[in-house]
């Protein structure tokens, strides 16, 4: 069970790679992005590729982690935010501190 953090263009490449795996090992259960329209587009792609019926939508990884304190929604994160600056690092640290790698 995976949370995608960042729903920009690279998310589609990651979803295609997940969908190509046999047998299917991934279920996208959460999508995190500050842009509501990006979340909605990626949610539809998850449904189209049978990677998740209706992933829950969050504006940030912090919001997703707060809503999933018992780790029943997702086990790991796929970090798809830019690696420039500290954004990627902040997401990685938040995920690791919550035990989601």
N, C-alpha and C. Protein backbone atom coordinates (compact mmCIF):
# COMPACT_ATOMS: atom_id res chain seq x y z
N UNK A 1 0.84 -1.17 0.00
CA UNK A 1 0.00 0.00 0.00
C UNK A 1 0.89 1.24 0.00
N UNK A 2 0.72 2.04 -1.03
CA UNK A 2 1.65 3.15 -1.28
C UNK A 2 0.91 4.48 -1.33
N UNK A 3 1.59 5.51 -0.79
CA UNK A 3 1.15 6.89 -0.96
C UNK A 3 2.09 7.54 -1.97
N UNK A 4 1.53 8.13 -3.00
CA UNK A 4 2.34 8.91 -3.93
C UNK A 4 2.41 10.33 -3.38
N UNK A 5 3.61 10.86 -3.26
CA UNK A 5 3.80 12.22 -2.77
C UNK A 5 4.31 13.05 -3.94
N UNK A 6 3.40 13.79 -4.53
CA UNK A 6 3.67 14.56 -5.73
C UNK A 6 2.90 13.94 -6.88
N UNK A 7 2.03 14.72 -7.49
CA UNK A 7 1.17 14.20 -8.56
C UNK A 7 1.39 14.95 -9.86
N UNK A 8 2.64 15.29 -10.14
CA UNK A 8 2.99 15.94 -11.40
C UNK A 8 3.19 14.91 -12.50
N UNK A 9 3.85 15.33 -13.56
CA UNK A 9 4.01 14.47 -14.74
C UNK A 9 4.73 13.15 -14.45
N UNK A 10 5.71 13.16 -13.55
CA UNK A 10 6.46 11.93 -13.28
C UNK A 10 5.59 10.86 -12.64
N UNK A 11 4.49 11.26 -12.01
CA UNK A 11 3.60 10.28 -11.38
C UNK A 11 3.07 9.29 -12.40
N UNK A 12 2.80 9.74 -13.61
CA UNK A 12 2.26 8.85 -14.63
C UNK A 12 3.27 7.77 -15.02
N UNK A 13 4.54 8.12 -15.08
CA UNK A 13 5.60 7.14 -15.38
C UNK A 13 5.69 6.10 -14.27
N UNK A 14 5.62 6.55 -13.03
CA UNK A 14 5.70 5.62 -11.91
C UNK A 14 4.49 4.69 -11.89
N UNK A 15 3.31 5.22 -12.18
CA UNK A 15 2.10 4.38 -12.21
C UNK A 15 2.18 3.34 -13.32
N UNK A 16 2.69 3.74 -14.48
CA UNK A 16 2.84 2.79 -15.59
C UNK A 16 3.80 1.66 -15.21
N UNK A 17 4.88 2.01 -14.53
CA UNK A 17 5.84 0.99 -14.10
C UNK A 17 5.21 0.05 -13.08
N UNK A 18 4.44 0.59 -12.14
CA UNK A 18 3.76 -0.24 -11.14
C UNK A 18 2.76 -1.17 -11.82
N UNK A 19 2.04 -0.65 -12.80
CA UNK A 19 1.01 -1.44 -13.48
C UNK A 19 1.62 -2.55 -14.34
N UNK A 20 2.85 -2.35 -14.79
CA UNK A 20 3.50 -3.34 -15.66
C UNK A 20 3.99 -4.55 -14.88
N UNK A 21 4.15 -4.42 -13.59
CA UNK A 21 4.65 -5.53 -12.77
C UNK A 21 3.66 -6.67 -12.71
N UNK A 22 4.17 -7.88 -12.84
CA UNK A 22 3.35 -9.08 -12.74
C UNK A 22 3.98 -10.01 -11.73
N UNK A 23 3.31 -10.49 -10.74
CA UNK A 23 1.94 -10.10 -10.40
C UNK A 23 1.93 -8.69 -9.80
N UNK A 24 0.75 -8.13 -9.74
CA UNK A 24 0.61 -6.79 -9.18
C UNK A 24 0.99 -6.80 -7.72
N UNK A 25 1.87 -5.92 -7.34
CA UNK A 25 2.33 -5.86 -5.96
C UNK A 25 1.98 -4.56 -5.29
N UNK A 26 1.39 -3.64 -6.02
CA UNK A 26 1.17 -2.31 -5.49
C UNK A 26 -0.30 -1.93 -5.49
N UNK A 27 -0.69 -1.23 -4.46
CA UNK A 27 -2.00 -0.59 -4.41
C UNK A 27 -1.76 0.84 -3.94
N UNK A 28 -2.13 1.79 -4.77
CA UNK A 28 -1.99 3.19 -4.40
C UNK A 28 -3.20 3.56 -3.56
N UNK A 29 -2.96 3.90 -2.33
CA UNK A 29 -4.05 4.17 -1.39
C UNK A 29 -4.14 5.62 -0.96
N UNK A 30 -3.12 6.42 -1.29
CA UNK A 30 -3.14 7.84 -0.93
C UNK A 30 -2.36 8.64 -1.96
N UNK A 31 -2.84 9.84 -2.23
CA UNK A 31 -2.18 10.76 -3.14
C UNK A 31 -2.00 12.09 -2.41
N UNK A 32 -0.78 12.62 -2.46
CA UNK A 32 -0.46 13.86 -1.76
C UNK A 32 0.07 14.88 -2.74
N UNK A 33 -0.60 16.00 -2.84
CA UNK A 33 -0.15 17.09 -3.71
C UNK A 33 -0.96 18.33 -3.35
N UNK A 34 -0.34 19.49 -3.32
CA UNK A 34 -1.09 20.69 -2.98
C UNK A 34 -2.10 21.10 -4.05
N UNK A 35 -1.95 20.59 -5.27
CA UNK A 35 -2.83 20.96 -6.37
C UNK A 35 -3.98 19.94 -6.50
N UNK A 36 -5.18 20.38 -6.22
CA UNK A 36 -6.35 19.49 -6.24
C UNK A 36 -6.56 18.85 -7.60
N UNK A 37 -6.37 19.60 -8.68
CA UNK A 37 -6.61 19.03 -10.01
C UNK A 37 -5.57 17.96 -10.34
N UNK A 38 -4.33 18.14 -9.90
CA UNK A 38 -3.33 17.09 -10.11
C UNK A 38 -3.71 15.81 -9.37
N UNK A 39 -4.17 15.97 -8.12
CA UNK A 39 -4.59 14.78 -7.35
C UNK A 39 -5.73 14.06 -8.07
N UNK A 40 -6.70 14.80 -8.57
CA UNK A 40 -7.85 14.19 -9.23
C UNK A 40 -7.43 13.45 -10.51
N UNK A 41 -6.52 14.02 -11.28
CA UNK A 41 -6.06 13.37 -12.51
C UNK A 41 -5.31 12.07 -12.21
N UNK A 42 -4.45 12.11 -11.21
CA UNK A 42 -3.69 10.91 -10.86
C UNK A 42 -4.61 9.86 -10.24
N UNK A 43 -5.60 10.29 -9.48
CA UNK A 43 -6.57 9.35 -8.92
C UNK A 43 -7.28 8.59 -10.05
N UNK A 44 -7.67 9.29 -11.10
CA UNK A 44 -8.32 8.65 -12.23
C UNK A 44 -7.36 7.68 -12.92
N UNK A 45 -6.11 8.06 -13.06
CA UNK A 45 -5.12 7.17 -13.67
C UNK A 45 -4.94 5.91 -12.84
N UNK A 46 -4.93 6.04 -11.51
CA UNK A 46 -4.84 4.86 -10.64
C UNK A 46 -6.01 3.92 -10.90
N UNK A 47 -7.19 4.48 -11.02
CA UNK A 47 -8.39 3.67 -11.27
C UNK A 47 -8.30 3.02 -12.64
N UNK A 48 -7.88 3.78 -13.66
CA UNK A 48 -7.78 3.25 -15.02
C UNK A 48 -6.77 2.10 -15.12
N UNK A 49 -5.70 2.17 -14.32
CA UNK A 49 -4.66 1.15 -14.36
C UNK A 49 -4.88 0.05 -13.31
N UNK A 50 -6.01 0.11 -12.62
CA UNK A 50 -6.34 -0.85 -11.56
C UNK A 50 -5.28 -0.89 -10.47
N UNK A 51 -4.79 0.28 -10.09
CA UNK A 51 -3.80 0.39 -9.02
C UNK A 51 -4.39 0.90 -7.72
N UNK A 52 -5.68 1.17 -7.74
CA UNK A 52 -6.35 1.66 -6.55
C UNK A 52 -7.73 2.16 -6.92
N UNK A 53 -8.74 1.67 -6.24
CA UNK A 53 -10.11 2.05 -6.57
C UNK A 53 -10.37 3.53 -6.33
N UNK A 54 -9.97 4.00 -5.19
CA UNK A 54 -10.22 5.39 -4.86
C UNK A 54 -9.20 5.86 -3.80
N UNK A 55 -7.96 6.12 -4.25
CA UNK A 55 -6.97 6.58 -3.29
C UNK A 55 -7.45 7.84 -2.57
N UNK A 56 -7.17 7.91 -1.28
CA UNK A 56 -7.54 9.11 -0.51
C UNK A 56 -6.63 10.26 -0.91
N UNK A 57 -7.20 11.45 -0.90
CA UNK A 57 -6.50 12.64 -1.38
C UNK A 57 -6.10 13.54 -0.23
N UNK A 58 -4.83 14.00 -0.26
CA UNK A 58 -4.30 14.87 0.77
C UNK A 58 -3.48 15.98 0.12
N UNK A 59 -3.44 17.14 0.75
CA UNK A 59 -2.67 18.26 0.24
C UNK A 59 -1.18 18.12 0.52
N UNK A 60 -0.81 17.29 1.51
CA UNK A 60 0.60 17.15 1.87
C UNK A 60 0.85 15.79 2.53
N UNK A 61 2.11 15.42 2.60
CA UNK A 61 2.48 14.19 3.31
C UNK A 61 2.17 14.32 4.80
N UNK A 62 2.34 15.51 5.34
CA UNK A 62 2.04 15.73 6.75
C UNK A 62 0.56 15.48 7.05
N UNK A 63 -0.30 15.94 6.16
CA UNK A 63 -1.74 15.71 6.32
C UNK A 63 -2.07 14.22 6.23
N UNK A 64 -1.43 13.53 5.29
CA UNK A 64 -1.67 12.09 5.12
C UNK A 64 -1.19 11.31 6.34
N UNK A 65 -0.02 11.64 6.85
CA UNK A 65 0.50 10.95 8.02
C UNK A 65 -0.36 11.19 9.25
N UNK A 66 -0.86 12.40 9.41
CA UNK A 66 -1.73 12.72 10.54
C UNK A 66 -3.03 11.93 10.47
N UNK A 67 -3.55 11.74 9.25
CA UNK A 67 -4.80 11.00 9.07
C UNK A 67 -4.61 9.49 9.17
N UNK A 68 -3.37 9.04 9.09
CA UNK A 68 -3.07 7.60 9.08
C UNK A 68 -2.07 7.25 10.18
N UNK A 69 -2.34 7.70 11.37
CA UNK A 69 -1.40 7.49 12.48
C UNK A 69 -1.19 6.02 12.82
N UNK A 70 -2.15 5.17 12.49
CA UNK A 70 -2.00 3.73 12.79
C UNK A 70 -1.46 2.92 11.61
N UNK A 71 -1.05 3.60 10.54
CA UNK A 71 -0.47 2.95 9.35
C UNK A 71 -1.42 1.95 8.69
N UNK A 72 -2.69 2.20 8.78
CA UNK A 72 -3.65 1.30 8.14
C UNK A 72 -3.93 1.68 6.69
N UNK A 73 -3.53 2.88 6.28
CA UNK A 73 -3.79 3.34 4.92
C UNK A 73 -2.63 3.05 3.97
N UNK A 74 -1.41 3.36 4.40
CA UNK A 74 -0.26 3.11 3.53
C UNK A 74 0.96 2.71 4.34
N UNK A 75 1.80 1.90 3.69
CA UNK A 75 3.00 1.36 4.32
C UNK A 75 4.27 2.09 3.86
N UNK A 76 4.23 2.62 2.66
CA UNK A 76 5.41 3.22 2.05
C UNK A 76 5.01 4.43 1.23
N UNK A 77 6.00 5.23 0.89
CA UNK A 77 5.75 6.40 0.04
C UNK A 77 6.63 6.32 -1.20
N UNK A 78 6.10 6.84 -2.28
CA UNK A 78 6.85 7.03 -3.52
C UNK A 78 6.99 8.54 -3.65
N UNK A 79 8.20 9.05 -3.47
CA UNK A 79 8.43 10.49 -3.43
C UNK A 79 8.66 11.00 -4.84
N UNK A 80 7.74 11.82 -5.32
CA UNK A 80 7.77 12.31 -6.69
C UNK A 80 7.83 13.83 -6.75
N UNK A 81 8.35 14.44 -5.72
CA UNK A 81 8.50 15.90 -5.70
C UNK A 81 9.90 16.23 -6.21
N UNK A 82 10.11 17.48 -6.65
CA UNK A 82 11.43 17.86 -7.16
C UNK A 82 12.54 17.63 -6.13
N UNK A 83 13.70 17.23 -6.63
CA UNK A 83 14.83 17.00 -5.74
C UNK A 83 15.67 18.26 -5.53
N UNK A 84 15.31 19.33 -6.18
CA UNK A 84 15.99 20.60 -5.97
C UNK A 84 15.51 21.21 -4.67
N UNK A 85 16.38 21.92 -4.00
CA UNK A 85 16.00 22.52 -2.73
C UNK A 85 15.86 21.44 -1.67
N UNK A 86 14.96 21.68 -0.70
CA UNK A 86 14.84 20.76 0.43
C UNK A 86 13.51 20.01 0.47
N UNK A 87 12.65 20.23 -0.52
CA UNK A 87 11.33 19.60 -0.50
C UNK A 87 11.42 18.08 -0.47
N UNK A 88 12.24 17.50 -1.33
CA UNK A 88 12.39 16.03 -1.38
C UNK A 88 12.89 15.52 -0.03
N UNK A 89 13.87 16.21 0.50
CA UNK A 89 14.44 15.82 1.80
C UNK A 89 13.39 15.90 2.91
N UNK A 90 12.59 16.96 2.92
CA UNK A 90 11.56 17.10 3.96
C UNK A 90 10.54 15.97 3.91
N UNK A 91 10.14 15.59 2.71
CA UNK A 91 9.19 14.48 2.55
C UNK A 91 9.82 13.18 3.02
N UNK A 92 11.06 12.94 2.62
CA UNK A 92 11.75 11.70 3.01
C UNK A 92 11.89 11.61 4.53
N UNK A 93 12.26 12.68 5.16
CA UNK A 93 12.43 12.67 6.62
C UNK A 93 11.10 12.43 7.31
N UNK A 94 10.05 13.10 6.87
CA UNK A 94 8.72 12.90 7.48
C UNK A 94 8.28 11.45 7.35
N UNK A 95 8.50 10.86 6.17
CA UNK A 95 8.10 9.47 5.95
C UNK A 95 8.93 8.52 6.82
N UNK A 96 10.24 8.75 6.88
CA UNK A 96 11.09 7.86 7.69
C UNK A 96 10.77 7.98 9.18
N UNK A 97 10.53 9.19 9.65
CA UNK A 97 10.20 9.36 11.06
C UNK A 97 8.90 8.67 11.42
N UNK A 98 8.01 8.52 10.44
CA UNK A 98 6.73 7.84 10.68
C UNK A 98 6.83 6.34 10.37
N UNK A 99 8.01 5.86 10.02
CA UNK A 99 8.19 4.44 9.74
C UNK A 99 7.68 4.00 8.38
N UNK A 100 7.55 4.93 7.45
CA UNK A 100 7.08 4.61 6.10
C UNK A 100 8.24 4.90 5.15
N UNK A 101 8.80 3.88 4.55
CA UNK A 101 9.97 4.06 3.69
C UNK A 101 9.64 3.77 2.26
